[in-house]
Amino acid sequence: MGSRIVEEEVIRTWIADAVANGGGGGSSYLVYTALPTQTGTDAPIANVLENTLGSALTWSRVILGRYRSTGYLFDAARTILPAPFNGFLDLGNALIPVYDGGTITGYYSISFSGGGNLQIDTLDPSFTLIEWSALLGDAGYIPIDIKVYP
């Protein structure tokens, strides 16, 4: 319970800082919105819906179940990543459940990796890394909607 109060205070402070420094309205932030897919063990390919970052992101497969972006260095203190609607946090990463019917078949998370890149992990129900295509199928996409504030 105590950590949730701390998280809420951090969020309030972050929002107040973003508003005071020009964030919080209009197009005062950069956007990366994409629906990447992955086949077999290939690198993910992004169907980019909007990108105002000023550079393209390239996705690569690092190891089984782990994928990383290059092409733009994200500042974690100024970037909002997708949050789970009905997922939960584990070690600071939002684990977003993947459903088949009413059953959870696995999870994915989007987080920051070393050096300011983004990382996507795909996990089975026991939280073991698995191939993206094994979790979501070859046509399955992971929605990414990221905002970067100045």
N, C-alpha and C. Protein backbone atom coordinates (compact mmCIF):
# COMPACT_ATOMS: atom_id res chain seq x y z
N MET A 1 0.82 -1.20 0.00
CA MET A 1 0.00 0.00 0.00
C MET A 1 0.86 1.25 0.00
N GLY A 2 1.95 1.24 0.78
CA GLY A 2 2.83 2.39 0.84
C GLY A 2 3.46 2.71 -0.49
N SER A 3 3.85 1.67 -1.27
CA SER A 3 4.49 1.93 -2.55
C SER A 3 3.52 2.54 -3.54
N ARG A 4 2.22 2.21 -3.44
CA ARG A 4 1.23 2.80 -4.35
C ARG A 4 1.12 4.30 -4.08
N ILE A 5 1.16 4.69 -2.80
CA ILE A 5 1.09 6.11 -2.46
C ILE A 5 2.31 6.82 -3.03
N VAL A 6 3.49 6.22 -2.92
CA VAL A 6 4.71 6.81 -3.47
C VAL A 6 4.58 6.93 -4.98
N GLU A 7 4.07 5.87 -5.66
CA GLU A 7 3.89 5.93 -7.11
C GLU A 7 2.95 7.05 -7.51
N GLU A 8 1.85 7.23 -6.77
CA GLU A 8 0.90 8.29 -7.09
C GLU A 8 1.54 9.65 -6.91
N GLU A 9 2.37 9.84 -5.88
CA GLU A 9 3.04 11.12 -5.66
C GLU A 9 4.05 11.38 -6.78
N VAL A 10 4.77 10.35 -7.22
CA VAL A 10 5.71 10.51 -8.32
C VAL A 10 4.97 10.92 -9.59
N ILE A 11 3.83 10.30 -9.85
CA ILE A 11 3.04 10.62 -11.04
C ILE A 11 2.55 12.06 -10.97
N ARG A 12 2.03 12.48 -9.80
CA ARG A 12 1.56 13.87 -9.65
C ARG A 12 2.71 14.86 -9.90
N THR A 13 3.87 14.57 -9.33
CA THR A 13 5.04 15.44 -9.52
C THR A 13 5.44 15.49 -10.98
N TRP A 14 5.45 14.33 -11.65
CA TRP A 14 5.84 14.26 -13.06
C TRP A 14 4.88 15.06 -13.93
N ILE A 15 3.58 14.94 -13.67
CA ILE A 15 2.58 15.67 -14.45
C ILE A 15 2.74 17.18 -14.22
N ALA A 16 2.91 17.59 -12.97
CA ALA A 16 3.09 19.02 -12.67
C ALA A 16 4.33 19.56 -13.38
N ASP A 17 5.41 18.77 -13.40
CA ASP A 17 6.63 19.19 -14.08
C ASP A 17 6.40 19.29 -15.59
N ALA A 18 5.69 18.32 -16.17
CA ALA A 18 5.41 18.34 -17.62
C ALA A 18 4.58 19.56 -18.00
N VAL A 19 3.57 19.88 -17.19
CA VAL A 19 2.72 21.04 -17.47
C VAL A 19 3.53 22.33 -17.33
N ALA A 20 4.34 22.43 -16.28
CA ALA A 20 5.15 23.64 -16.06
C ALA A 20 6.19 23.85 -17.16
N ASN A 21 6.62 22.76 -17.81
CA ASN A 21 7.64 22.87 -18.84
C ASN A 21 7.08 22.76 -20.25
N GLY A 22 5.82 23.09 -20.42
CA GLY A 22 5.25 23.15 -21.76
C GLY A 22 4.47 21.93 -22.19
N GLY A 23 4.42 20.90 -21.38
CA GLY A 23 3.65 19.71 -21.75
C GLY A 23 2.20 19.88 -21.34
N GLY A 24 1.39 18.88 -21.66
CA GLY A 24 0.03 18.87 -21.17
C GLY A 24 -1.01 19.40 -22.11
N GLY A 25 -0.70 19.67 -23.35
CA GLY A 25 -1.75 20.11 -24.24
C GLY A 25 -1.28 20.28 -25.67
N GLY A 26 -2.23 20.21 -26.58
CA GLY A 26 -1.91 20.40 -27.99
C GLY A 26 -0.88 19.41 -28.47
N SER A 27 -0.02 19.87 -29.37
CA SER A 27 1.01 19.00 -29.91
C SER A 27 2.36 19.32 -29.27
N SER A 28 2.37 19.53 -27.96
CA SER A 28 3.60 19.88 -27.26
C SER A 28 4.45 18.65 -26.96
N TYR A 29 4.07 17.51 -27.48
CA TYR A 29 4.84 16.29 -27.28
C TYR A 29 5.02 15.59 -28.62
N LEU A 30 6.03 14.73 -28.67
CA LEU A 30 6.27 13.90 -29.84
C LEU A 30 5.53 12.58 -29.67
N VAL A 31 5.19 11.95 -30.77
CA VAL A 31 4.38 10.74 -30.72
C VAL A 31 5.00 9.64 -31.58
N TYR A 32 4.95 8.41 -31.07
CA TYR A 32 5.26 7.23 -31.88
C TYR A 32 4.12 6.25 -31.65
N THR A 33 3.35 6.00 -32.69
CA THR A 33 2.22 5.07 -32.62
C THR A 33 2.40 4.04 -33.73
N ALA A 34 2.41 2.77 -33.35
CA ALA A 34 2.65 1.71 -34.33
C ALA A 34 1.97 0.41 -33.91
N LEU A 35 1.81 -0.46 -34.89
CA LEU A 35 1.27 -1.81 -34.67
C LEU A 35 2.28 -2.81 -35.24
N PRO A 36 3.38 -3.07 -34.51
CA PRO A 36 4.38 -4.01 -35.03
C PRO A 36 3.91 -5.46 -34.95
N THR A 37 4.35 -6.25 -35.92
CA THR A 37 4.10 -7.69 -35.93
C THR A 37 5.44 -8.40 -36.07
N GLN A 38 5.42 -9.71 -35.83
CA GLN A 38 6.65 -10.50 -35.94
C GLN A 38 6.28 -11.88 -36.45
N THR A 39 7.11 -12.43 -37.33
CA THR A 39 6.91 -13.76 -37.88
C THR A 39 8.08 -14.65 -37.52
N GLY A 40 7.78 -15.84 -37.00
CA GLY A 40 8.85 -16.80 -36.66
C GLY A 40 9.87 -16.19 -35.73
N THR A 41 11.13 -16.16 -36.18
CA THR A 41 12.20 -15.55 -35.39
C THR A 41 12.74 -14.29 -36.07
N ASP A 42 11.98 -13.75 -37.03
CA ASP A 42 12.38 -12.52 -37.71
C ASP A 42 12.27 -11.33 -36.77
N ALA A 43 12.92 -10.23 -37.13
CA ALA A 43 12.78 -8.98 -36.40
C ALA A 43 11.36 -8.46 -36.60
N PRO A 44 10.78 -7.81 -35.61
CA PRO A 44 9.45 -7.21 -35.79
C PRO A 44 9.46 -6.14 -36.89
N ILE A 45 8.33 -6.04 -37.56
CA ILE A 45 8.13 -5.01 -38.57
C ILE A 45 6.97 -4.15 -38.10
N ALA A 46 7.21 -2.84 -38.06
CA ALA A 46 6.19 -1.93 -37.52
C ALA A 46 5.34 -1.33 -38.63
N ASN A 47 4.03 -1.40 -38.45
CA ASN A 47 3.09 -0.64 -39.25
C ASN A 47 2.93 0.68 -38.50
N VAL A 48 3.66 1.70 -38.92
CA VAL A 48 3.70 2.98 -38.20
C VAL A 48 2.47 3.81 -38.57
N LEU A 49 1.69 4.17 -37.57
CA LEU A 49 0.50 4.99 -37.78
C LEU A 49 0.82 6.47 -37.66
N GLU A 50 1.76 6.82 -36.75
CA GLU A 50 2.19 8.20 -36.59
C GLU A 50 3.57 8.20 -35.95
N ASN A 51 4.46 9.04 -36.49
CA ASN A 51 5.79 9.18 -35.92
C ASN A 51 6.25 10.62 -36.10
N THR A 52 6.29 11.36 -34.99
CA THR A 52 6.79 12.74 -35.02
C THR A 52 8.12 12.85 -34.29
N LEU A 53 8.80 11.72 -34.06
CA LEU A 53 10.08 11.72 -33.34
C LEU A 53 11.20 12.37 -34.13
N GLY A 54 11.07 12.40 -35.45
CA GLY A 54 12.13 12.94 -36.28
C GLY A 54 13.09 11.88 -36.79
N SER A 55 12.91 10.64 -36.37
CA SER A 55 13.70 9.52 -36.88
C SER A 55 12.87 8.25 -36.78
N ALA A 56 13.18 7.31 -37.64
CA ALA A 56 12.45 6.04 -37.67
C ALA A 56 13.00 5.10 -36.60
N LEU A 57 12.12 4.30 -36.04
CA LEU A 57 12.57 3.24 -35.13
C LEU A 57 12.76 1.96 -35.93
N THR A 58 13.81 1.24 -35.62
CA THR A 58 14.05 -0.08 -36.20
C THR A 58 13.99 -1.07 -35.05
N TRP A 59 13.27 -2.16 -35.27
CA TRP A 59 13.11 -3.17 -34.23
C TRP A 59 13.98 -4.37 -34.57
N SER A 60 14.59 -4.97 -33.55
CA SER A 60 15.40 -6.17 -33.75
C SER A 60 15.03 -7.21 -32.70
N ARG A 61 15.25 -8.47 -33.05
CA ARG A 61 15.06 -9.57 -32.11
C ARG A 61 16.39 -9.76 -31.40
N VAL A 62 16.40 -9.61 -30.07
CA VAL A 62 17.62 -9.72 -29.28
C VAL A 62 17.86 -11.18 -28.90
N ILE A 63 16.89 -11.77 -28.27
CA ILE A 63 16.88 -13.19 -27.91
C ILE A 63 15.44 -13.66 -27.99
N LEU A 64 15.20 -14.90 -27.74
CA LEU A 64 13.85 -15.46 -27.69
C LEU A 64 12.99 -14.59 -26.79
N GLY A 65 11.91 -14.00 -27.34
CA GLY A 65 10.96 -13.24 -26.56
C GLY A 65 11.37 -11.83 -26.18
N ARG A 66 12.49 -11.34 -26.69
CA ARG A 66 12.94 -9.98 -26.35
C ARG A 66 13.29 -9.23 -27.63
N TYR A 67 12.73 -8.02 -27.76
CA TYR A 67 12.87 -7.22 -28.97
C TYR A 67 13.23 -5.79 -28.56
N ARG A 68 14.09 -5.14 -29.34
CA ARG A 68 14.58 -3.83 -28.95
C ARG A 68 14.55 -2.86 -30.12
N SER A 69 14.28 -1.59 -29.80
CA SER A 69 14.26 -0.54 -30.81
C SER A 69 15.61 0.15 -30.86
N THR A 70 15.93 0.69 -32.03
CA THR A 70 17.06 1.59 -32.19
C THR A 70 16.58 2.71 -33.11
N GLY A 71 17.32 3.79 -33.14
CA GLY A 71 16.97 4.89 -34.04
C GLY A 71 16.53 6.15 -33.31
N TYR A 72 16.15 6.02 -32.03
CA TYR A 72 15.76 7.18 -31.23
C TYR A 72 16.07 6.84 -29.78
N LEU A 73 16.74 7.73 -29.07
CA LEU A 73 17.05 7.51 -27.66
C LEU A 73 16.00 8.18 -26.80
N PHE A 74 15.24 7.39 -26.09
CA PHE A 74 14.15 7.88 -25.25
C PHE A 74 14.68 8.28 -23.88
N ASP A 75 14.18 9.40 -23.36
CA ASP A 75 14.48 9.85 -22.00
C ASP A 75 13.33 9.35 -21.12
N ALA A 76 13.62 8.40 -20.26
CA ALA A 76 12.59 7.78 -19.43
C ALA A 76 11.84 8.80 -18.58
N ALA A 77 12.49 9.89 -18.21
CA ALA A 77 11.85 10.91 -17.38
C ALA A 77 10.87 11.77 -18.17
N ARG A 78 10.87 11.66 -19.49
CA ARG A 78 10.02 12.49 -20.33
C ARG A 78 9.14 11.67 -21.27
N THR A 79 9.09 10.37 -21.08
CA THR A 79 8.38 9.49 -22.00
C THR A 79 7.30 8.71 -21.28
N ILE A 80 6.11 8.68 -21.88
CA ILE A 80 5.01 7.88 -21.34
C ILE A 80 4.84 6.65 -22.21
N LEU A 81 4.97 5.49 -21.60
CA LEU A 81 4.79 4.21 -22.29
C LEU A 81 3.37 3.72 -22.09
N PRO A 82 2.91 2.77 -22.92
CA PRO A 82 1.57 2.22 -22.73
C PRO A 82 1.42 1.60 -21.34
N ALA A 83 0.29 1.85 -20.72
CA ALA A 83 0.00 1.28 -19.41
C ALA A 83 -1.11 0.25 -19.58
N PRO A 84 -1.10 -0.77 -18.75
CA PRO A 84 -2.12 -1.81 -18.89
C PRO A 84 -3.49 -1.32 -18.43
N PHE A 85 -4.50 -1.69 -19.17
CA PHE A 85 -5.87 -1.39 -18.75
C PHE A 85 -6.26 -2.32 -17.61
N ASN A 86 -5.94 -3.58 -17.77
CA ASN A 86 -6.28 -4.55 -16.73
C ASN A 86 -5.11 -5.48 -16.46
N GLY A 87 -3.89 -4.95 -16.61
CA GLY A 87 -2.70 -5.73 -16.31
C GLY A 87 -2.19 -5.38 -14.93
N PHE A 88 -0.91 -5.57 -14.71
CA PHE A 88 -0.33 -5.27 -13.41
C PHE A 88 1.14 -4.97 -13.60
N LEU A 89 1.76 -4.42 -12.54
CA LEU A 89 3.16 -4.07 -12.59
C LEU A 89 3.99 -5.17 -11.96
N ASP A 90 5.13 -5.46 -12.58
CA ASP A 90 6.07 -6.43 -12.05
C ASP A 90 7.47 -5.86 -12.23
N LEU A 91 8.16 -5.59 -11.16
CA LEU A 91 9.50 -5.01 -11.21
C LEU A 91 9.54 -3.73 -12.02
N GLY A 92 8.47 -2.93 -11.92
CA GLY A 92 8.44 -1.65 -12.60
C GLY A 92 7.96 -1.70 -14.04
N ASN A 93 7.75 -2.89 -14.59
CA ASN A 93 7.28 -3.01 -15.96
C ASN A 93 5.80 -3.36 -15.95
N ALA A 94 5.05 -2.71 -16.84
CA ALA A 94 3.63 -3.04 -16.97
C ALA A 94 3.52 -4.34 -17.76
N LEU A 95 2.92 -5.34 -17.16
CA LEU A 95 2.66 -6.60 -17.86
C LEU A 95 1.23 -6.55 -18.37
N ILE A 96 1.10 -6.61 -19.68
CA ILE A 96 -0.20 -6.47 -20.31
C ILE A 96 -0.65 -7.85 -20.76
N PRO A 97 -1.80 -8.32 -20.26
CA PRO A 97 -2.22 -9.69 -20.59
C PRO A 97 -2.71 -9.81 -22.02
N VAL A 98 -2.48 -10.99 -22.59
CA VAL A 98 -3.00 -11.36 -23.91
C VAL A 98 -4.05 -12.44 -23.67
N TYR A 99 -5.24 -12.22 -24.21
CA TYR A 99 -6.35 -13.14 -23.99
C TYR A 99 -6.69 -13.92 -25.25
N ASP A 100 -7.14 -15.15 -25.06
CA ASP A 100 -7.77 -15.93 -26.12
C ASP A 100 -9.11 -16.34 -25.53
N GLY A 101 -10.18 -15.68 -25.99
CA GLY A 101 -11.46 -15.85 -25.32
C GLY A 101 -11.36 -15.18 -23.97
N GLY A 102 -11.64 -15.89 -22.90
CA GLY A 102 -11.54 -15.33 -21.56
C GLY A 102 -10.31 -15.81 -20.82
N THR A 103 -9.39 -16.49 -21.51
CA THR A 103 -8.23 -17.08 -20.86
C THR A 103 -6.97 -16.29 -21.18
N ILE A 104 -6.17 -16.00 -20.16
CA ILE A 104 -4.89 -15.35 -20.37
C ILE A 104 -3.92 -16.37 -20.95
N THR A 105 -3.37 -16.06 -22.13
CA THR A 105 -2.43 -16.97 -22.78
C THR A 105 -0.98 -16.50 -22.64
N GLY A 106 -0.79 -15.30 -22.10
CA GLY A 106 0.54 -14.78 -21.90
C GLY A 106 0.49 -13.29 -21.63
N TYR A 107 1.65 -12.66 -21.69
CA TYR A 107 1.78 -11.24 -21.39
C TYR A 107 2.81 -10.61 -22.31
N TYR A 108 2.74 -9.30 -22.43
CA TYR A 108 3.85 -8.56 -23.03
C TYR A 108 4.09 -7.33 -22.19
N SER A 109 5.31 -6.83 -22.29
CA SER A 109 5.64 -5.59 -21.59
C SER A 109 6.46 -4.72 -22.52
N ILE A 110 6.30 -3.42 -22.35
CA ILE A 110 7.10 -2.44 -23.08
C ILE A 110 7.83 -1.63 -22.01
N SER A 111 9.14 -1.60 -22.10
CA SER A 111 9.94 -0.92 -21.07
C SER A 111 11.14 -0.26 -21.73
N PHE A 112 11.96 0.39 -20.92
CA PHE A 112 13.19 0.99 -21.40
C PHE A 112 14.32 0.00 -21.21
N SER A 113 15.17 -0.14 -22.22
CA SER A 113 16.36 -0.95 -22.08
C SER A 113 17.54 -0.01 -21.91
N GLY A 114 18.69 -0.56 -21.72
CA GLY A 114 19.87 0.28 -21.56
C GLY A 114 20.09 1.19 -22.77
N GLY A 115 20.58 2.38 -22.51
CA GLY A 115 20.92 3.30 -23.59
C GLY A 115 19.76 4.08 -24.16
N GLY A 116 18.58 4.04 -23.55
CA GLY A 116 17.45 4.83 -24.01
C GLY A 116 16.62 4.20 -25.11
N ASN A 117 16.83 2.92 -25.37
CA ASN A 117 16.01 2.22 -26.35
C ASN A 117 14.79 1.59 -25.68
N LEU A 118 13.81 1.25 -26.49
CA LEU A 118 12.63 0.55 -25.97
C LEU A 118 12.85 -0.94 -26.07
N GLN A 119 12.19 -1.66 -25.18
CA GLN A 119 12.27 -3.13 -25.20
C GLN A 119 10.87 -3.70 -25.04
N ILE A 120 10.58 -4.71 -25.84
CA ILE A 120 9.33 -5.46 -25.72
C ILE A 120 9.70 -6.87 -25.33
N ASP A 121 9.07 -7.38 -24.27
CA ASP A 121 9.22 -8.77 -23.86
C ASP A 121 7.88 -9.46 -24.05
N THR A 122 7.90 -10.70 -24.56
CA THR A 122 6.69 -11.52 -24.66
C THR A 122 6.88 -12.74 -23.77
N LEU A 123 5.87 -13.00 -22.94
CA LEU A 123 5.99 -14.04 -21.93
C LEU A 123 4.79 -14.98 -21.95
N ASP A 124 5.03 -16.22 -21.58
CA ASP A 124 3.92 -17.17 -21.45
C ASP A 124 3.27 -16.97 -20.07
N PRO A 125 2.20 -17.73 -19.76
CA PRO A 125 1.51 -17.52 -18.47
C PRO A 125 2.39 -17.76 -17.24
N SER A 126 3.50 -18.50 -17.39
CA SER A 126 4.40 -18.73 -16.25
C SER A 126 5.53 -17.69 -16.22
N PHE A 127 5.41 -16.63 -17.07
CA PHE A 127 6.35 -15.51 -17.13
C PHE A 127 7.72 -15.91 -17.68
N THR A 128 7.72 -16.89 -18.57
CA THR A 128 8.93 -17.29 -19.29
C THR A 128 8.90 -16.64 -20.66
N LEU A 129 10.04 -16.10 -21.10
CA LEU A 129 10.10 -15.49 -22.42
C LEU A 129 9.76 -16.51 -23.51
N ILE A 130 8.90 -16.10 -24.44
CA ILE A 130 8.54 -16.93 -25.59
C ILE A 130 8.53 -16.05 -26.84
N GLU A 131 8.60 -16.67 -28.00
CA GLU A 131 8.55 -15.90 -29.24
C GLU A 131 7.25 -15.14 -29.34
N TRP A 132 7.33 -13.93 -29.84
CA TRP A 132 6.18 -13.07 -30.09
C TRP A 132 5.16 -13.82 -30.93
N SER A 133 5.61 -14.45 -32.01
CA SER A 133 4.69 -15.14 -32.91
C SER A 133 4.03 -16.34 -32.23
N ALA A 134 4.70 -16.95 -31.25
CA ALA A 134 4.09 -18.06 -30.51
C ALA A 134 2.97 -17.55 -29.60
N LEU A 135 3.13 -16.35 -29.08
CA LEU A 135 2.12 -15.76 -28.20
C LEU A 135 0.95 -15.18 -28.98
N LEU A 136 1.26 -14.45 -30.06
CA LEU A 136 0.23 -13.69 -30.76
C LEU A 136 -0.09 -14.20 -32.16
N GLY A 137 0.65 -15.20 -32.64
CA GLY A 137 0.47 -15.64 -34.02
C GLY A 137 1.26 -14.74 -34.94
N ASP A 138 1.47 -15.19 -36.16
CA ASP A 138 2.30 -14.42 -37.11
C ASP A 138 1.70 -13.06 -37.45
N ALA A 139 0.40 -12.92 -37.38
CA ALA A 139 -0.22 -11.63 -37.72
C ALA A 139 -0.54 -10.81 -36.48
N GLY A 140 -0.20 -11.31 -35.30
CA GLY A 140 -0.53 -10.61 -34.07
C GLY A 140 0.33 -9.39 -33.84
N TYR A 141 -0.28 -8.30 -33.47
CA TYR A 141 0.47 -7.07 -33.24
C TYR A 141 0.39 -6.65 -31.79
N ILE A 142 1.37 -5.85 -31.40
CA ILE A 142 1.40 -5.23 -30.08
C ILE A 142 1.22 -3.74 -30.29
N PRO A 143 0.13 -3.17 -29.77
CA PRO A 143 -0.10 -1.73 -29.97
C PRO A 143 0.88 -0.90 -29.14
N ILE A 144 1.52 0.05 -29.81
CA ILE A 144 2.46 0.95 -29.14
C ILE A 144 2.00 2.37 -29.38
N ASP A 145 1.81 3.11 -28.29
CA ASP A 145 1.45 4.53 -28.39
C ASP A 145 2.25 5.27 -27.34
N ILE A 146 3.30 5.94 -27.76
CA ILE A 146 4.27 6.56 -26.86
C ILE A 146 4.24 8.07 -27.06
N LYS A 147 4.32 8.79 -25.97
CA LYS A 147 4.41 10.25 -26.00
C LYS A 147 5.72 10.66 -25.34
N VAL A 148 6.44 11.58 -25.99
CA VAL A 148 7.70 12.09 -25.47
C VAL A 148 7.53 13.59 -25.26
N TYR A 149 7.69 14.03 -24.02
CA TYR A 149 7.53 15.44 -23.68
C TYR A 149 8.87 16.15 -23.71
N PRO A 150 8.85 17.47 -24.02
CA PRO A 150 10.11 18.24 -24.09
C PRO A 150 10.77 18.38 -22.72
